[in-house]
Amino acid sequence: MSVEGKSAAGEALATCVSSARRAAHLSQEELARAAGIGTSTLRQIESGNATGTSIFTVFRLLSAAGSSLEALDDAFVATVAAG
């Protein structure tokens, strides 16, 4: 299943990470630094264009933003239901 040409999983990940970052009042640079990844990688994830993102990277991003993998599950369910 895809949402506007992107996979539902990619779209859910983008929505979840972006929402968590904004809720934590962090810039992309701040979250990337806190999670130990490059800003360009975070931009790709938030745009839904990242492929092969490891679960460890996702966990570090969500943890650094004060969120959890459960939020990703919720975002995926919402994305699939909307699509």
N, C-alpha and C. Protein backbone atom coordinates (compact mmCIF):
# COMPACT_ATOMS: atom_id res chain seq x y z
N MET A 1 0.84 -1.17 0.00
CA MET A 1 0.00 0.00 0.00
C MET A 1 0.89 1.23 0.00
N SER A 2 0.49 2.26 -0.72
CA SER A 2 1.27 3.49 -0.72
C SER A 2 0.38 4.70 -0.53
N VAL A 3 0.98 5.74 -0.03
CA VAL A 3 0.29 7.00 0.17
C VAL A 3 1.01 8.01 -0.69
N GLU A 4 0.33 8.49 -1.75
CA GLU A 4 0.91 9.46 -2.67
C GLU A 4 2.27 9.00 -3.18
N GLY A 5 2.38 7.75 -3.57
CA GLY A 5 3.61 7.23 -4.13
C GLY A 5 4.64 6.78 -3.11
N LYS A 6 4.39 7.01 -1.85
CA LYS A 6 5.32 6.59 -0.81
C LYS A 6 4.69 5.42 -0.07
N SER A 7 5.53 4.59 0.53
CA SER A 7 4.99 3.46 1.27
C SER A 7 4.29 3.96 2.52
N ALA A 8 3.31 3.19 2.97
CA ALA A 8 2.60 3.55 4.20
C ALA A 8 3.56 3.57 5.38
N ALA A 9 4.51 2.65 5.39
CA ALA A 9 5.48 2.62 6.49
C ALA A 9 6.36 3.85 6.47
N GLY A 10 6.81 4.26 5.30
CA GLY A 10 7.65 5.45 5.17
C GLY A 10 6.91 6.71 5.57
N GLU A 11 5.66 6.78 5.16
CA GLU A 11 4.82 7.94 5.50
C GLU A 11 4.55 7.98 7.01
N ALA A 12 4.29 6.83 7.60
CA ALA A 12 4.05 6.78 9.05
C ALA A 12 5.30 7.16 9.82
N LEU A 13 6.45 6.69 9.36
CA LEU A 13 7.71 7.03 10.02
C LEU A 13 7.96 8.53 9.91
N ALA A 14 7.75 9.09 8.74
CA ALA A 14 7.95 10.53 8.54
C ALA A 14 7.05 11.34 9.46
N THR A 15 5.78 10.98 9.52
CA THR A 15 4.82 11.69 10.36
C THR A 15 5.18 11.57 11.83
N CYS A 16 5.52 10.37 12.26
CA CYS A 16 5.82 10.12 13.66
C CYS A 16 7.05 10.88 14.12
N VAL A 17 8.14 10.79 13.36
CA VAL A 17 9.38 11.45 13.76
C VAL A 17 9.22 12.96 13.73
N SER A 18 8.60 13.47 12.68
CA SER A 18 8.40 14.91 12.57
C SER A 18 7.52 15.44 13.71
N SER A 19 6.44 14.73 14.01
CA SER A 19 5.55 15.15 15.09
C SER A 19 6.25 15.09 16.44
N ALA A 20 7.02 14.05 16.68
CA ALA A 20 7.75 13.91 17.95
C ALA A 20 8.78 15.02 18.09
N ARG A 21 9.45 15.34 17.00
CA ARG A 21 10.47 16.41 17.03
C ARG A 21 9.83 17.76 17.35
N ARG A 22 8.73 18.03 16.70
CA ARG A 22 8.05 19.31 16.94
C ARG A 22 7.49 19.39 18.35
N ALA A 23 6.95 18.30 18.84
CA ALA A 23 6.41 18.27 20.21
C ALA A 23 7.51 18.51 21.24
N ALA A 24 8.72 18.08 20.91
CA ALA A 24 9.86 18.27 21.81
C ALA A 24 10.53 19.64 21.61
N HIS A 25 10.00 20.42 20.67
CA HIS A 25 10.55 21.75 20.36
C HIS A 25 12.02 21.68 19.96
N LEU A 26 12.32 20.70 19.10
CA LEU A 26 13.69 20.52 18.61
C LEU A 26 13.76 20.84 17.13
N SER A 27 14.86 21.42 16.71
CA SER A 27 15.10 21.60 15.28
C SER A 27 15.58 20.25 14.72
N GLN A 28 15.61 20.14 13.41
CA GLN A 28 16.13 18.92 12.81
C GLN A 28 17.58 18.71 13.20
N GLU A 29 18.35 19.79 13.25
CA GLU A 29 19.76 19.69 13.62
C GLU A 29 19.92 19.20 15.06
N GLU A 30 19.10 19.72 15.96
CA GLU A 30 19.18 19.32 17.36
C GLU A 30 18.82 17.85 17.55
N LEU A 31 17.74 17.41 16.90
CA LEU A 31 17.33 16.02 17.05
C LEU A 31 18.36 15.08 16.43
N ALA A 32 18.85 15.44 15.26
CA ALA A 32 19.85 14.60 14.59
C ALA A 32 21.08 14.45 15.48
N ARG A 33 21.54 15.55 16.05
CA ARG A 33 22.72 15.51 16.93
C ARG A 33 22.45 14.64 18.15
N ALA A 34 21.28 14.81 18.77
CA ALA A 34 20.94 14.04 19.97
C ALA A 34 20.83 12.55 19.67
N ALA A 35 20.39 12.21 18.46
CA ALA A 35 20.22 10.80 18.09
C ALA A 35 21.49 10.22 17.48
N GLY A 36 22.48 11.06 17.21
CA GLY A 36 23.73 10.57 16.65
C GLY A 36 23.66 10.22 15.18
N ILE A 37 22.81 10.93 14.44
CA ILE A 37 22.72 10.70 12.99
C ILE A 37 22.94 12.03 12.27
N GLY A 38 23.12 11.96 10.98
CA GLY A 38 23.30 13.17 10.18
C GLY A 38 21.98 13.89 9.95
N THR A 39 22.07 15.20 9.83
CA THR A 39 20.87 15.99 9.57
C THR A 39 20.24 15.60 8.24
N SER A 40 21.05 15.29 7.24
CA SER A 40 20.51 14.90 5.94
C SER A 40 19.72 13.60 6.04
N THR A 41 20.16 12.69 6.89
CA THR A 41 19.43 11.45 7.10
C THR A 41 18.08 11.73 7.74
N LEU A 42 18.07 12.60 8.74
CA LEU A 42 16.79 12.96 9.38
C LEU A 42 15.86 13.63 8.38
N ARG A 43 16.38 14.49 7.54
CA ARG A 43 15.54 15.15 6.52
C ARG A 43 14.93 14.12 5.58
N GLN A 44 15.70 13.13 5.18
CA GLN A 44 15.17 12.08 4.31
C GLN A 44 14.08 11.29 5.02
N ILE A 45 14.29 10.99 6.30
CA ILE A 45 13.28 10.25 7.07
C ILE A 45 12.00 11.07 7.17
N GLU A 46 12.13 12.35 7.52
CA GLU A 46 10.95 13.19 7.70
C GLU A 46 10.23 13.49 6.40
N SER A 47 10.91 13.36 5.28
CA SER A 47 10.25 13.56 3.99
C SER A 47 9.61 12.28 3.46
N GLY A 48 9.86 11.17 4.16
CA GLY A 48 9.30 9.89 3.73
C GLY A 48 10.10 9.23 2.64
N ASN A 49 11.30 9.75 2.37
CA ASN A 49 12.13 9.24 1.28
C ASN A 49 13.28 8.36 1.73
N ALA A 50 13.37 8.07 3.00
CA ALA A 50 14.46 7.22 3.49
C ALA A 50 14.13 5.76 3.22
N THR A 51 15.12 5.03 2.80
CA THR A 51 14.94 3.59 2.61
C THR A 51 15.97 2.87 3.47
N GLY A 52 15.55 1.77 4.04
CA GLY A 52 16.46 0.96 4.82
C GLY A 52 16.85 1.55 6.17
N THR A 53 15.99 2.40 6.72
CA THR A 53 16.28 2.98 8.03
C THR A 53 16.19 1.88 9.08
N SER A 54 17.24 1.74 9.87
CA SER A 54 17.26 0.67 10.86
C SER A 54 16.34 0.99 12.04
N ILE A 55 15.87 -0.04 12.68
CA ILE A 55 15.01 0.13 13.86
C ILE A 55 15.79 0.81 14.98
N PHE A 56 17.09 0.62 15.00
CA PHE A 56 17.92 1.27 16.02
C PHE A 56 17.96 2.78 15.81
N THR A 57 18.03 3.21 14.55
CA THR A 57 17.99 4.64 14.24
C THR A 57 16.65 5.23 14.63
N VAL A 58 15.58 4.52 14.30
CA VAL A 58 14.23 4.98 14.66
C VAL A 58 14.11 5.09 16.17
N PHE A 59 14.58 4.08 16.88
CA PHE A 59 14.51 4.09 18.34
C PHE A 59 15.28 5.28 18.91
N ARG A 60 16.49 5.52 18.40
CA ARG A 60 17.30 6.64 18.89
C ARG A 60 16.62 7.98 18.62
N LEU A 61 16.02 8.13 17.44
CA LEU A 61 15.32 9.37 17.11
C LEU A 61 14.14 9.61 18.04
N LEU A 62 13.31 8.59 18.18
CA LEU A 62 12.11 8.74 19.00
C LEU A 62 12.48 8.94 20.47
N SER A 63 13.48 8.22 20.94
CA SER A 63 13.92 8.39 22.33
C SER A 63 14.45 9.79 22.58
N ALA A 64 15.25 10.30 21.66
CA ALA A 64 15.82 11.64 21.80
C ALA A 64 14.74 12.71 21.78
N ALA A 65 13.61 12.41 21.14
CA ALA A 65 12.50 13.36 21.08
C ALA A 65 11.49 13.12 22.20
N GLY A 66 11.79 12.15 23.07
CA GLY A 66 10.88 11.87 24.19
C GLY A 66 9.66 11.07 23.79
N SER A 67 9.78 10.31 22.70
CA SER A 67 8.65 9.50 22.22
C SER A 67 9.05 8.03 22.29
N SER A 68 8.23 7.17 21.69
CA SER A 68 8.48 5.73 21.77
C SER A 68 8.09 5.04 20.47
N LEU A 69 8.48 3.78 20.37
CA LEU A 69 8.09 2.99 19.20
C LEU A 69 6.58 2.79 19.14
N GLU A 70 5.91 2.87 20.28
CA GLU A 70 4.45 2.75 20.28
C GLU A 70 3.82 3.88 19.46
N ALA A 71 4.41 5.06 19.50
CA ALA A 71 3.90 6.18 18.71
C ALA A 71 4.01 5.88 17.22
N LEU A 72 5.08 5.18 16.82
CA LEU A 72 5.23 4.79 15.42
C LEU A 72 4.14 3.81 15.02
N ASP A 73 3.83 2.87 15.88
CA ASP A 73 2.76 1.92 15.60
C ASP A 73 1.44 2.66 15.42
N ASP A 74 1.16 3.61 16.29
CA ASP A 74 -0.07 4.40 16.18
C ASP A 74 -0.11 5.19 14.87
N ALA A 75 1.02 5.78 14.49
CA ALA A 75 1.10 6.55 13.24
C ALA A 75 0.89 5.64 12.04
N PHE A 76 1.42 4.43 12.08
CA PHE A 76 1.25 3.49 10.97
C PHE A 76 -0.22 3.12 10.82
N VAL A 77 -0.88 2.80 11.92
CA VAL A 77 -2.30 2.44 11.89
C VAL A 77 -3.12 3.60 11.32
N ALA A 78 -2.83 4.81 11.75
CA ALA A 78 -3.56 5.99 11.26
C ALA A 78 -3.32 6.22 9.77
N THR A 79 -2.08 6.02 9.32
CA THR A 79 -1.74 6.21 7.93
C THR A 79 -2.45 5.19 7.04
N VAL A 80 -2.47 3.95 7.46
CA VAL A 80 -3.13 2.90 6.68
C VAL A 80 -4.63 3.15 6.64
N ALA A 81 -5.21 3.54 7.77
CA ALA A 81 -6.66 3.80 7.84
C ALA A 81 -7.04 4.97 6.93
N ALA A 82 -6.16 5.96 6.82
CA ALA A 82 -6.46 7.14 5.99
C ALA A 82 -6.28 6.86 4.50
N GLY A 83 -5.47 5.86 4.19
CA GLY A 83 -5.13 5.61 2.80
C GLY A 83 -6.00 4.61 2.16
